[in-house]
N, C-alpha and C. Protein backbone atom coordinates (compact mmCIF):
# COMPACT_ATOMS: atom_id res chain seq x y z
N MET A 1 -103.32 -140.31 123.16
CA MET A 1 -102.52 -140.50 124.38
C MET A 1 -101.07 -140.84 124.02
N PHE A 2 -100.94 -141.76 123.01
CA PHE A 2 -99.59 -142.15 122.57
C PHE A 2 -98.83 -140.97 122.00
N ARG A 3 -99.53 -140.12 121.24
CA ARG A 3 -98.88 -138.94 120.68
C ARG A 3 -98.43 -137.99 121.78
N LEU A 4 -99.26 -137.89 122.82
CA LEU A 4 -98.92 -137.00 123.94
C LEU A 4 -97.66 -137.49 124.65
N VAL A 5 -97.55 -138.81 124.84
CA VAL A 5 -96.36 -139.38 125.48
C VAL A 5 -95.13 -139.13 124.62
N ARG A 6 -95.28 -139.35 123.29
CA ARG A 6 -94.16 -139.12 122.38
C ARG A 6 -93.73 -137.66 122.43
N TYR A 7 -94.70 -136.77 122.54
CA TYR A 7 -94.40 -135.34 122.58
C TYR A 7 -93.57 -135.01 123.83
N TYR A 8 -94.00 -135.55 124.96
CA TYR A 8 -93.29 -135.25 126.22
C TYR A 8 -91.88 -135.85 126.20
N ILE A 9 -91.74 -137.06 125.62
CA ILE A 9 -90.42 -137.68 125.51
C ILE A 9 -89.51 -136.82 124.63
N LYS A 10 -90.07 -136.35 123.53
CA LYS A 10 -89.29 -135.51 122.61
C LYS A 10 -88.83 -134.23 123.29
N GLN A 11 -89.74 -133.58 124.01
CA GLN A 11 -89.41 -132.35 124.71
C GLN A 11 -88.38 -132.61 125.82
N SER A 12 -88.49 -133.73 126.50
CA SER A 12 -87.54 -134.07 127.57
C SER A 12 -86.14 -134.23 127.01
N TRP A 13 -86.04 -134.91 125.86
CA TRP A 13 -84.72 -135.09 125.25
C TRP A 13 -84.13 -133.76 124.82
N LEU A 14 -84.96 -132.88 124.32
CA LEU A 14 -84.46 -131.55 123.94
C LEU A 14 -83.91 -130.81 125.15
N LEU A 15 -84.61 -130.95 126.28
CA LEU A 15 -84.19 -130.29 127.51
C LEU A 15 -82.86 -130.87 128.00
N VAL A 16 -82.74 -132.20 127.98
CA VAL A 16 -81.51 -132.86 128.43
C VAL A 16 -80.33 -132.47 127.55
N VAL A 17 -80.54 -132.50 126.24
CA VAL A 17 -79.47 -132.16 125.29
C VAL A 17 -79.06 -130.69 125.46
N SER A 18 -80.06 -129.82 125.61
CA SER A 18 -79.76 -128.39 125.79
C SER A 18 -78.96 -128.16 127.06
N ALA A 19 -79.36 -128.82 128.14
CA ALA A 19 -78.65 -128.68 129.42
C ALA A 19 -77.22 -129.17 129.29
N PHE A 20 -77.03 -130.28 128.58
CA PHE A 20 -75.69 -130.83 128.38
C PHE A 20 -74.81 -129.87 127.58
N VAL A 21 -75.37 -129.33 126.50
CA VAL A 21 -74.62 -128.41 125.63
C VAL A 21 -74.22 -127.15 126.38
N PHE A 22 -75.19 -126.55 127.10
CA PHE A 22 -74.89 -125.33 127.84
C PHE A 22 -73.89 -125.60 128.97
N GLY A 23 -74.02 -126.75 129.61
CA GLY A 23 -73.08 -127.13 130.67
C GLY A 23 -71.67 -127.29 130.12
N LEU A 24 -71.58 -127.91 128.94
CA LEU A 24 -70.29 -128.10 128.28
C LEU A 24 -69.66 -126.77 127.91
N LEU A 25 -70.49 -125.86 127.38
CA LEU A 25 -69.99 -124.53 127.01
C LEU A 25 -69.47 -123.78 128.23
N LEU A 26 -70.19 -123.87 129.34
CA LEU A 26 -69.75 -123.20 130.57
C LEU A 26 -68.43 -123.78 131.07
N ALA A 27 -68.31 -125.11 130.99
CA ALA A 27 -67.08 -125.77 131.44
C ALA A 27 -65.89 -125.36 130.58
N VAL A 28 -66.10 -125.30 129.27
CA VAL A 28 -65.03 -124.90 128.34
C VAL A 28 -64.63 -123.45 128.59
N THR A 29 -65.64 -122.59 128.75
CA THR A 29 -65.36 -121.17 129.00
C THR A 29 -64.57 -120.99 130.28
N ASN A 30 -64.98 -121.71 131.32
CA ASN A 30 -64.29 -121.61 132.62
C ASN A 30 -62.85 -122.10 132.50
N SER A 31 -62.66 -123.18 131.73
CA SER A 31 -61.32 -123.72 131.54
C SER A 31 -60.43 -122.73 130.82
N ILE A 32 -61.00 -122.04 129.83
CA ILE A 32 -60.22 -121.08 129.04
C ILE A 32 -59.82 -119.87 129.87
N TRP A 33 -60.77 -119.38 130.68
CA TRP A 33 -60.54 -118.12 131.40
C TRP A 33 -59.97 -118.29 132.79
N SER A 34 -60.07 -119.47 133.40
CA SER A 34 -59.61 -119.65 134.78
C SER A 34 -58.13 -119.36 134.94
N GLY A 35 -57.33 -119.81 133.97
CA GLY A 35 -55.90 -119.56 134.04
C GLY A 35 -55.57 -118.09 133.96
N ARG A 36 -56.27 -117.38 133.09
CA ARG A 36 -56.03 -115.94 132.94
C ARG A 36 -56.49 -115.19 134.17
N ILE A 37 -57.63 -115.59 134.74
CA ILE A 37 -58.13 -114.94 135.96
C ILE A 37 -57.15 -115.13 137.10
N GLU A 38 -56.62 -116.35 137.24
CA GLU A 38 -55.66 -116.64 138.30
C GLU A 38 -54.37 -115.83 138.10
N GLN A 39 -53.94 -115.71 136.84
CA GLN A 39 -52.73 -114.94 136.54
C GLN A 39 -52.93 -113.47 136.87
N ASN A 40 -54.11 -112.94 136.53
CA ASN A 40 -54.42 -111.55 136.85
C ASN A 40 -54.41 -111.31 138.36
N LYS A 41 -54.93 -112.28 139.10
CA LYS A 41 -54.96 -112.16 140.55
C LYS A 41 -53.55 -112.20 141.13
N ASN A 42 -52.69 -113.06 140.56
CA ASN A 42 -51.30 -113.14 141.01
C ASN A 42 -50.55 -111.85 140.69
N ASP A 43 -50.83 -111.27 139.51
CA ASP A 43 -50.20 -110.00 139.13
C ASP A 43 -50.63 -108.89 140.08
N LYS A 44 -51.90 -108.89 140.44
CA LYS A 44 -52.40 -107.89 141.38
C LYS A 44 -51.76 -108.08 142.74
N LEU A 45 -51.61 -109.33 143.17
CA LEU A 45 -50.96 -109.62 144.45
C LEU A 45 -49.54 -109.07 144.46
N ASP A 46 -48.79 -109.29 143.38
CA ASP A 46 -47.42 -108.78 143.28
C ASP A 46 -47.39 -107.26 143.40
N ASN A 47 -48.31 -106.59 142.72
CA ASN A 47 -48.37 -105.13 142.76
C ASN A 47 -48.71 -104.62 144.15
N LEU A 48 -49.64 -105.29 144.81
CA LEU A 48 -50.05 -104.87 146.14
C LEU A 48 -48.93 -105.07 147.16
N MET A 49 -48.20 -106.18 147.03
CA MET A 49 -47.08 -106.42 147.93
C MET A 49 -45.99 -105.37 147.73
N SER A 50 -45.73 -105.02 146.47
CA SER A 50 -44.72 -104.01 146.17
C SER A 50 -45.13 -102.64 146.72
N GLY A 51 -46.42 -102.40 146.78
CA GLY A 51 -46.91 -101.14 147.34
C GLY A 51 -46.77 -101.07 148.85
N LEU A 52 -46.68 -102.24 149.49
CA LEU A 52 -46.55 -102.30 150.94
C LEU A 52 -45.10 -102.29 151.40
N ILE A 53 -44.25 -102.98 150.66
CA ILE A 53 -42.82 -103.02 150.96
C ILE A 53 -42.07 -102.64 149.68
N ALA A 54 -41.63 -101.40 149.62
CA ALA A 54 -41.00 -100.89 148.40
C ALA A 54 -39.57 -101.40 148.23
N ASP A 55 -39.12 -101.38 146.98
CA ASP A 55 -37.73 -101.75 146.65
C ASP A 55 -37.35 -103.11 147.22
N ALA A 56 -38.22 -104.06 147.04
CA ALA A 56 -37.97 -105.41 147.56
C ALA A 56 -38.31 -106.45 146.51
N GLU A 57 -37.65 -107.58 146.63
CA GLU A 57 -37.95 -108.73 145.80
C GLU A 57 -38.68 -109.75 146.68
N PHE A 58 -39.73 -110.32 146.13
CA PHE A 58 -40.58 -111.23 146.91
C PHE A 58 -40.38 -112.68 146.45
N ALA A 59 -40.25 -113.55 147.44
CA ALA A 59 -40.08 -114.97 147.14
C ALA A 59 -40.95 -115.77 148.10
N PRO A 60 -41.56 -116.86 147.62
CA PRO A 60 -42.37 -117.70 148.51
C PRO A 60 -41.55 -118.20 149.69
N ALA A 61 -42.09 -118.05 150.89
CA ALA A 61 -41.40 -118.50 152.10
C ALA A 61 -42.07 -119.74 152.69
N ILE A 62 -43.39 -119.69 152.82
CA ILE A 62 -44.17 -120.84 153.32
C ILE A 62 -45.46 -120.92 152.50
N SER A 63 -45.81 -122.09 152.07
CA SER A 63 -47.01 -122.27 151.26
C SER A 63 -48.08 -123.06 152.02
N ASP A 64 -49.31 -122.66 151.79
CA ASP A 64 -50.49 -123.39 152.28
C ASP A 64 -50.50 -123.63 153.79
N ILE A 65 -50.23 -122.56 154.56
CA ILE A 65 -50.41 -122.65 156.01
C ILE A 65 -51.91 -122.79 156.29
N GLN A 66 -52.27 -123.68 157.17
CA GLN A 66 -53.66 -123.85 157.55
C GLN A 66 -53.98 -122.94 158.74
N ILE A 67 -54.76 -121.90 158.49
CA ILE A 67 -55.12 -120.95 159.53
C ILE A 67 -56.51 -121.29 160.07
N ASP A 68 -56.60 -121.42 161.37
CA ASP A 68 -57.86 -121.74 162.03
C ASP A 68 -58.67 -120.47 162.21
N CYS A 69 -59.78 -120.37 161.51
CA CYS A 69 -60.65 -119.19 161.59
C CYS A 69 -61.85 -119.43 162.52
N ALA A 70 -61.72 -120.43 163.37
CA ALA A 70 -62.77 -120.78 164.35
C ALA A 70 -63.92 -121.54 163.68
N LYS A 71 -64.70 -122.21 164.51
CA LYS A 71 -65.85 -122.99 164.07
C LYS A 71 -65.47 -124.07 163.06
N GLY A 72 -64.24 -124.58 163.18
CA GLY A 72 -63.80 -125.66 162.31
C GLY A 72 -63.47 -125.25 160.90
N LYS A 73 -63.36 -123.96 160.64
CA LYS A 73 -63.05 -123.47 159.30
C LYS A 73 -61.58 -123.13 159.19
N PHE A 74 -60.93 -123.67 158.17
CA PHE A 74 -59.50 -123.41 157.95
C PHE A 74 -59.30 -122.75 156.59
N VAL A 75 -58.35 -121.83 156.54
CA VAL A 75 -58.03 -121.10 155.30
C VAL A 75 -56.55 -121.26 155.00
N LYS A 76 -56.22 -121.51 153.73
CA LYS A 76 -54.82 -121.65 153.34
C LYS A 76 -54.19 -120.27 153.11
N VAL A 77 -52.97 -120.11 153.63
CA VAL A 77 -52.26 -118.85 153.52
C VAL A 77 -50.87 -119.09 152.94
N ASN A 78 -50.46 -118.22 152.03
CA ASN A 78 -49.11 -118.26 151.48
C ASN A 78 -48.33 -117.06 151.99
N VAL A 79 -47.13 -117.31 152.50
CA VAL A 79 -46.29 -116.25 153.05
C VAL A 79 -45.14 -115.97 152.09
N TYR A 80 -44.90 -114.69 151.81
CA TYR A 80 -43.82 -114.26 150.92
C TYR A 80 -42.81 -113.44 151.71
N LYS A 81 -41.53 -113.73 151.51
CA LYS A 81 -40.48 -112.96 152.16
C LYS A 81 -40.01 -111.85 151.24
N ALA A 82 -39.91 -110.64 151.79
CA ALA A 82 -39.43 -109.48 151.03
C ALA A 82 -37.98 -109.23 151.40
N ALA A 83 -37.12 -109.11 150.42
CA ALA A 83 -35.70 -108.87 150.68
C ALA A 83 -35.17 -107.78 149.77
N ASP A 84 -34.14 -107.05 150.25
CA ASP A 84 -33.52 -106.03 149.41
C ASP A 84 -32.51 -106.69 148.47
N LYS A 85 -31.78 -105.88 147.72
CA LYS A 85 -30.87 -106.43 146.71
C LYS A 85 -29.74 -107.23 147.33
N SER A 86 -29.40 -106.95 148.58
CA SER A 86 -28.33 -107.69 149.25
C SER A 86 -28.84 -108.98 149.88
N GLY A 87 -30.16 -109.19 149.83
CA GLY A 87 -30.74 -110.40 150.39
C GLY A 87 -31.21 -110.24 151.82
N ARG A 88 -31.07 -109.02 152.36
CA ARG A 88 -31.50 -108.77 153.74
C ARG A 88 -33.01 -108.68 153.81
N SER A 89 -33.59 -109.33 154.80
CA SER A 89 -35.05 -109.36 154.95
C SER A 89 -35.61 -107.98 155.27
N LYS A 90 -36.68 -107.61 154.57
CA LYS A 90 -37.37 -106.36 154.84
C LYS A 90 -38.75 -106.59 155.43
N GLY A 91 -39.17 -107.85 155.46
CA GLY A 91 -40.48 -108.15 156.02
C GLY A 91 -41.15 -109.31 155.32
N PHE A 92 -42.42 -109.48 155.62
CA PHE A 92 -43.20 -110.58 155.05
C PHE A 92 -44.57 -110.06 154.61
N CYS A 93 -45.10 -110.68 153.58
CA CYS A 93 -46.47 -110.41 153.12
C CYS A 93 -47.23 -111.73 153.07
N PHE A 94 -48.51 -111.66 153.33
CA PHE A 94 -49.33 -112.88 153.24
C PHE A 94 -50.78 -112.51 153.00
N ASN A 95 -51.51 -113.44 152.42
CA ASN A 95 -52.93 -113.25 152.15
C ASN A 95 -53.75 -113.58 153.39
N ALA A 96 -54.87 -112.91 153.54
CA ALA A 96 -55.79 -113.18 154.66
C ALA A 96 -57.19 -112.81 154.21
N SER A 97 -58.18 -113.49 154.77
CA SER A 97 -59.56 -113.24 154.31
C SER A 97 -60.56 -113.49 155.42
N GLY A 98 -61.75 -112.94 155.23
CA GLY A 98 -62.83 -113.14 156.18
C GLY A 98 -64.13 -112.57 155.64
N ALA A 99 -65.21 -112.83 156.33
CA ALA A 99 -66.52 -112.37 155.89
C ALA A 99 -66.69 -110.88 156.17
N GLY A 100 -67.13 -110.13 155.14
CA GLY A 100 -67.43 -108.72 155.30
C GLY A 100 -68.92 -108.51 155.41
N PHE A 101 -69.36 -107.28 155.16
CA PHE A 101 -70.79 -106.97 155.22
C PHE A 101 -71.52 -107.56 154.02
N ALA A 102 -70.93 -107.43 152.83
CA ALA A 102 -71.59 -107.88 151.61
C ALA A 102 -71.06 -109.22 151.10
N ASP A 103 -69.77 -109.46 151.28
CA ASP A 103 -69.15 -110.65 150.71
C ASP A 103 -67.81 -110.85 151.40
N LYS A 104 -67.05 -111.81 150.91
CA LYS A 104 -65.73 -112.07 151.49
C LYS A 104 -64.78 -110.92 151.19
N ILE A 105 -63.96 -110.58 152.18
CA ILE A 105 -62.91 -109.57 152.02
C ILE A 105 -61.57 -110.30 152.00
N GLU A 106 -60.76 -110.03 150.98
CA GLU A 106 -59.43 -110.61 150.89
C GLU A 106 -58.39 -109.50 151.01
N LEU A 107 -57.43 -109.68 151.89
CA LEU A 107 -56.40 -108.68 152.14
C LEU A 107 -55.01 -109.25 151.86
N VAL A 108 -54.08 -108.33 151.62
CA VAL A 108 -52.66 -108.64 151.62
C VAL A 108 -52.07 -107.86 152.78
N ILE A 109 -51.50 -108.55 153.74
CA ILE A 109 -50.97 -107.92 154.94
C ILE A 109 -49.45 -107.98 154.92
N ALA A 110 -48.81 -106.88 155.35
CA ALA A 110 -47.35 -106.83 155.42
C ALA A 110 -46.91 -106.55 156.85
N VAL A 111 -45.85 -107.23 157.26
CA VAL A 111 -45.26 -107.02 158.59
C VAL A 111 -43.75 -106.85 158.43
N ASP A 112 -43.11 -106.35 159.49
CA ASP A 112 -41.66 -106.14 159.41
C ASP A 112 -40.90 -107.46 159.54
N ALA A 113 -39.57 -107.38 159.40
CA ALA A 113 -38.74 -108.58 159.36
C ALA A 113 -38.76 -109.37 160.66
N LYS A 114 -39.00 -108.68 161.80
CA LYS A 114 -39.07 -109.37 163.08
C LYS A 114 -40.50 -109.78 163.45
N PHE A 115 -41.44 -109.45 162.57
CA PHE A 115 -42.86 -109.76 162.79
C PHE A 115 -43.36 -109.12 164.08
N GLU A 116 -42.89 -107.89 164.34
CA GLU A 116 -43.30 -107.16 165.53
C GLU A 116 -44.29 -106.05 165.22
N LYS A 117 -44.19 -105.48 164.01
CA LYS A 117 -45.07 -104.38 163.63
C LYS A 117 -45.73 -104.64 162.28
N VAL A 118 -46.94 -104.15 162.17
CA VAL A 118 -47.66 -104.22 160.89
C VAL A 118 -47.16 -103.08 160.01
N LEU A 119 -46.83 -103.39 158.78
CA LEU A 119 -46.40 -102.35 157.83
C LEU A 119 -47.59 -101.78 157.06
N GLY A 120 -48.68 -102.53 157.04
CA GLY A 120 -49.88 -102.06 156.36
C GLY A 120 -50.62 -103.20 155.69
N TYR A 121 -51.65 -102.84 154.98
CA TYR A 121 -52.39 -103.84 154.21
C TYR A 121 -52.98 -103.19 152.96
N ASN A 122 -53.27 -104.01 151.98
CA ASN A 122 -54.00 -103.60 150.78
C ASN A 122 -55.15 -104.57 150.56
N VAL A 123 -56.17 -104.10 149.89
CA VAL A 123 -57.34 -104.93 149.61
C VAL A 123 -57.16 -105.66 148.29
N LEU A 124 -57.14 -106.99 148.35
CA LEU A 124 -57.01 -107.80 147.15
C LEU A 124 -58.36 -107.98 146.48
N SER A 125 -59.41 -108.15 147.29
CA SER A 125 -60.76 -108.34 146.74
C SER A 125 -61.79 -107.94 147.78
N SER A 126 -62.80 -107.19 147.33
CA SER A 126 -63.88 -106.76 148.24
C SER A 126 -65.07 -106.28 147.44
N ASN A 127 -66.26 -106.57 147.95
CA ASN A 127 -67.51 -106.09 147.35
C ASN A 127 -68.34 -105.32 148.37
N GLU A 128 -67.65 -104.60 149.27
CA GLU A 128 -68.35 -103.86 150.31
C GLU A 128 -69.13 -102.68 149.72
N THR A 129 -70.09 -102.18 150.47
CA THR A 129 -71.01 -101.15 150.00
C THR A 129 -70.27 -99.89 149.56
N PRO A 130 -70.49 -99.44 148.30
CA PRO A 130 -69.84 -98.22 147.82
C PRO A 130 -70.17 -97.01 148.70
N GLY A 131 -69.16 -96.24 149.02
CA GLY A 131 -69.35 -95.05 149.83
C GLY A 131 -69.31 -95.30 151.32
N PHE A 132 -69.35 -96.57 151.71
CA PHE A 132 -69.32 -96.91 153.13
C PHE A 132 -68.24 -97.99 153.37
N GLY A 133 -68.64 -99.26 153.20
CA GLY A 133 -67.71 -100.35 153.47
C GLY A 133 -66.49 -100.36 152.58
N ASP A 134 -66.62 -99.81 151.36
CA ASP A 134 -65.45 -99.82 150.47
C ASP A 134 -64.36 -98.85 150.93
N GLN A 135 -64.63 -98.09 151.99
CA GLN A 135 -63.63 -97.18 152.54
C GLN A 135 -62.55 -97.91 153.33
N ILE A 136 -62.67 -99.22 153.45
CA ILE A 136 -61.60 -99.98 154.09
C ILE A 136 -60.30 -99.85 153.29
N ASP A 137 -60.41 -99.38 152.05
CA ASP A 137 -59.26 -99.18 151.19
C ASP A 137 -58.75 -97.74 151.24
N ASP A 138 -59.43 -96.87 151.99
CA ASP A 138 -59.05 -95.45 152.06
C ASP A 138 -57.92 -95.23 153.06
N TYR A 139 -57.14 -94.20 152.82
CA TYR A 139 -55.98 -93.89 153.66
C TYR A 139 -56.38 -93.69 155.12
N TYR A 140 -57.50 -92.99 155.36
CA TYR A 140 -57.94 -92.70 156.72
C TYR A 140 -57.99 -93.97 157.56
N PHE A 141 -58.51 -95.03 156.98
CA PHE A 141 -58.65 -96.29 157.73
C PHE A 141 -57.37 -97.12 157.66
N CYS A 142 -56.82 -97.29 156.46
CA CYS A 142 -55.63 -98.13 156.28
C CYS A 142 -54.45 -97.64 157.11
N SER A 143 -54.27 -96.33 157.18
CA SER A 143 -53.09 -95.77 157.84
C SER A 143 -53.01 -96.12 159.32
N GLN A 144 -54.14 -96.45 159.92
CA GLN A 144 -54.13 -96.79 161.34
C GLN A 144 -53.41 -98.10 161.62
N PHE A 145 -53.27 -98.94 160.60
CA PHE A 145 -52.62 -100.24 160.78
C PHE A 145 -51.11 -100.16 160.57
N SER A 146 -50.66 -99.14 159.85
CA SER A 146 -49.23 -99.01 159.55
C SER A 146 -48.46 -98.59 160.80
N GLY A 147 -47.70 -99.53 161.36
CA GLY A 147 -46.96 -99.27 162.58
C GLY A 147 -47.62 -99.85 163.82
N ALA A 148 -48.82 -100.38 163.67
CA ALA A 148 -49.51 -100.99 164.80
C ALA A 148 -48.75 -102.25 165.24
N PRO A 149 -48.76 -102.55 166.54
CA PRO A 149 -48.04 -103.74 167.02
C PRO A 149 -48.74 -105.02 166.58
N VAL A 150 -47.95 -106.04 166.33
CA VAL A 150 -48.52 -107.35 166.02
C VAL A 150 -49.15 -107.90 167.29
N GLY A 151 -50.39 -108.23 167.21
CA GLY A 151 -51.14 -108.71 168.37
C GLY A 151 -52.61 -108.45 168.15
N GLN A 152 -53.40 -108.65 169.16
CA GLN A 152 -54.84 -108.45 169.05
C GLN A 152 -55.18 -106.96 168.96
N LEU A 153 -55.94 -106.61 167.95
CA LEU A 153 -56.39 -105.24 167.75
C LEU A 153 -57.80 -105.07 168.31
N VAL A 154 -58.13 -103.82 168.66
CA VAL A 154 -59.44 -103.51 169.23
C VAL A 154 -60.10 -102.43 168.37
N LEU A 155 -61.35 -102.65 168.00
CA LEU A 155 -62.09 -101.67 167.21
C LEU A 155 -62.95 -100.80 168.11
N ASN A 156 -62.83 -99.48 167.96
CA ASN A 156 -63.65 -98.52 168.68
C ASN A 156 -64.36 -97.60 167.70
N LYS A 157 -65.53 -97.11 168.10
CA LYS A 157 -66.30 -96.24 167.22
C LYS A 157 -65.81 -94.80 167.24
N SER A 158 -65.07 -94.41 168.28
CA SER A 158 -64.57 -93.05 168.36
C SER A 158 -63.17 -93.04 168.95
N GLY A 159 -62.44 -91.97 168.70
CA GLY A 159 -61.08 -91.86 169.19
C GLY A 159 -60.22 -91.12 168.18
N ASP A 160 -58.93 -91.06 168.45
CA ASP A 160 -57.99 -90.36 167.56
C ASP A 160 -57.35 -91.36 166.61
N SER A 161 -57.74 -91.31 165.34
CA SER A 161 -57.24 -92.26 164.36
C SER A 161 -55.77 -92.03 164.01
N LYS A 162 -55.22 -90.87 164.43
CA LYS A 162 -53.83 -90.56 164.12
C LYS A 162 -52.86 -91.20 165.11
N ILE A 163 -53.37 -91.66 166.23
CA ILE A 163 -52.54 -92.36 167.22
C ILE A 163 -52.41 -93.82 166.79
N ILE A 164 -51.17 -94.23 166.55
CA ILE A 164 -50.94 -95.59 166.07
C ILE A 164 -50.67 -96.52 167.25
N ASN A 165 -51.60 -97.40 167.50
CA ASN A 165 -51.47 -98.41 168.56
C ASN A 165 -52.39 -99.57 168.22
N SER A 166 -52.78 -100.34 169.20
CA SER A 166 -53.63 -101.50 168.94
C SER A 166 -55.11 -101.13 168.82
N GLU A 167 -55.43 -99.84 168.95
CA GLU A 167 -56.81 -99.39 168.84
C GLU A 167 -57.08 -98.86 167.43
N ILE A 168 -58.11 -99.40 166.79
CA ILE A 168 -58.50 -98.98 165.43
C ILE A 168 -59.85 -98.29 165.50
N ILE A 169 -59.93 -97.09 164.90
CA ILE A 169 -61.19 -96.34 164.90
C ILE A 169 -62.00 -96.72 163.66
N ALA A 170 -63.24 -97.12 163.89
CA ALA A 170 -64.10 -97.61 162.80
C ALA A 170 -64.46 -96.51 161.82
N ILE A 171 -64.77 -96.92 160.60
CA ILE A 171 -65.27 -96.01 159.58
C ILE A 171 -66.72 -95.66 159.92
N SER A 172 -67.03 -94.39 159.93
CA SER A 172 -68.40 -93.97 160.26
C SER A 172 -69.39 -94.54 159.26
N GLY A 173 -70.40 -95.24 159.76
CA GLY A 173 -71.42 -95.82 158.89
C GLY A 173 -71.02 -97.16 158.30
N ALA A 174 -69.86 -97.65 158.67
CA ALA A 174 -69.39 -98.93 158.12
C ALA A 174 -68.71 -99.74 159.20
N THR A 175 -69.36 -99.84 160.35
CA THR A 175 -68.77 -100.55 161.48
C THR A 175 -68.56 -102.03 161.17
N VAL A 176 -69.48 -102.64 160.44
CA VAL A 176 -69.37 -104.07 160.13
C VAL A 176 -68.14 -104.35 159.27
N SER A 177 -67.94 -103.53 158.25
CA SER A 177 -66.77 -103.70 157.38
C SER A 177 -65.48 -103.43 158.15
N SER A 178 -65.50 -102.41 159.01
CA SER A 178 -64.33 -102.09 159.83
C SER A 178 -64.00 -103.26 160.75
N ASP A 179 -65.03 -103.80 161.37
CA ASP A 179 -64.84 -104.93 162.28
C ASP A 179 -64.34 -106.16 161.53
N ALA A 180 -64.77 -106.32 160.28
CA ALA A 180 -64.34 -107.46 159.48
C ALA A 180 -62.83 -107.41 159.26
N VAL A 181 -62.30 -106.22 158.95
CA VAL A 181 -60.86 -106.08 158.72
C VAL A 181 -60.08 -106.37 160.01
N VAL A 182 -60.54 -105.80 161.13
CA VAL A 182 -59.88 -106.04 162.41
C VAL A 182 -59.93 -107.53 162.77
N SER A 183 -61.05 -108.16 162.52
CA SER A 183 -61.20 -109.60 162.81
C SER A 183 -60.26 -110.44 161.96
N ILE A 184 -60.08 -110.05 160.71
CA ILE A 184 -59.15 -110.75 159.83
C ILE A 184 -57.73 -110.67 160.41
N PHE A 185 -57.34 -109.47 160.83
CA PHE A 185 -56.02 -109.31 161.44
C PHE A 185 -55.89 -110.19 162.68
N ASN A 186 -56.89 -110.15 163.54
CA ASN A 186 -56.83 -110.91 164.79
C ASN A 186 -56.84 -112.42 164.56
N SER A 187 -57.44 -112.86 163.47
CA SER A 187 -57.49 -114.29 163.17
C SER A 187 -56.20 -114.80 162.54
N PHE A 188 -55.56 -113.96 161.73
CA PHE A 188 -54.46 -114.44 160.90
C PHE A 188 -53.07 -114.08 161.41
N VAL A 189 -52.85 -112.84 161.82
CA VAL A 189 -51.49 -112.35 162.03
C VAL A 189 -50.70 -113.18 163.03
N GLU A 190 -51.25 -113.42 164.20
CA GLU A 190 -50.50 -114.15 165.23
C GLU A 190 -50.26 -115.61 164.84
N GLN A 191 -51.21 -116.21 164.15
CA GLN A 191 -51.03 -117.59 163.71
C GLN A 191 -49.93 -117.70 162.65
N VAL A 192 -49.92 -116.72 161.73
CA VAL A 192 -48.87 -116.71 160.70
C VAL A 192 -47.51 -116.45 161.35
N LYS A 193 -47.47 -115.55 162.35
CA LYS A 193 -46.21 -115.29 163.05
C LYS A 193 -45.69 -116.56 163.71
N ALA A 194 -46.57 -117.30 164.37
CA ALA A 194 -46.15 -118.53 165.06
C ALA A 194 -45.54 -119.52 164.07
N LYS A 195 -46.15 -119.65 162.89
CA LYS A 195 -45.63 -120.57 161.88
C LYS A 195 -44.30 -120.07 161.33
N THR A 196 -44.17 -118.77 161.16
CA THR A 196 -42.93 -118.18 160.65
C THR A 196 -41.80 -118.38 161.66
N GLN A 197 -42.10 -118.23 162.94
CA GLN A 197 -41.12 -118.50 163.99
C GLN A 197 -40.71 -119.97 163.98
N GLU A 198 -41.71 -120.83 163.84
CA GLU A 198 -41.47 -122.26 163.82
C GLU A 198 -40.52 -122.66 162.70
N GLU A 199 -40.64 -121.96 161.56
CA GLU A 199 -39.79 -122.25 160.41
C GLU A 199 -38.43 -121.56 160.50
N GLY A 200 -38.22 -120.74 161.56
CA GLY A 200 -36.93 -120.05 161.75
C GLY A 200 -36.65 -118.99 160.72
N LEU A 201 -37.71 -118.29 160.27
CA LEU A 201 -37.55 -117.32 159.20
C LEU A 201 -37.38 -115.87 159.67
N LEU A 202 -37.62 -115.62 160.96
CA LEU A 202 -37.53 -114.24 161.44
C LEU A 202 -36.06 -113.81 161.53
N SER A 203 -35.84 -112.52 161.30
CA SER A 203 -34.48 -112.01 161.22
C SER A 203 -33.73 -112.08 162.54
N ASP A 204 -34.47 -112.15 163.68
CA ASP A 204 -33.80 -112.26 164.97
C ASP A 204 -33.61 -113.71 165.40
N GLY A 205 -34.04 -114.62 164.53
CA GLY A 205 -33.84 -116.03 164.82
C GLY A 205 -34.83 -116.64 165.76
N LYS A 206 -35.78 -115.84 166.24
CA LYS A 206 -36.77 -116.33 167.20
C LYS A 206 -38.03 -116.79 166.48
């Protein structure tokens, strides 16, 4: 009986030590790679913003805006001002996110200098279903947002996707992912505009 107890104690210590060692290794690995992962994400953000507003220099305008996504959930948003070489505002870019079909969808949204029209969006991160939900990054769907008015958008299953207005035509077979993008716009854009106005950053002074 005593030998059996000693055996179990010995095995327990091996388990505790192993768990500690593996936990330490994971922590060290995360510490080493977290900085690089964050830098890669920032580099991607810069590239995506440049793709939305060409020939512009981007500078932080407002940091850590608290966006109310309903049900008591808040998301931090960073707003970047795009300016030409003379310093004239060309618009704003900001991050936005929401739940998709498979996982969280993260977008970079661009608007004009008066925050009246959407210039477009790019996908920063998404794990939507290949061949269906991942088409939120395709021109057919993305192009409907370029030139759309800032305000509440409406998703429809059918219609003319070439008409640019507040109506967005869903991707066939990927209504949930399409709705997720529209919901992200409806949750973030107007709130970010209100904060930008509050800070007096719009080119018309309003």
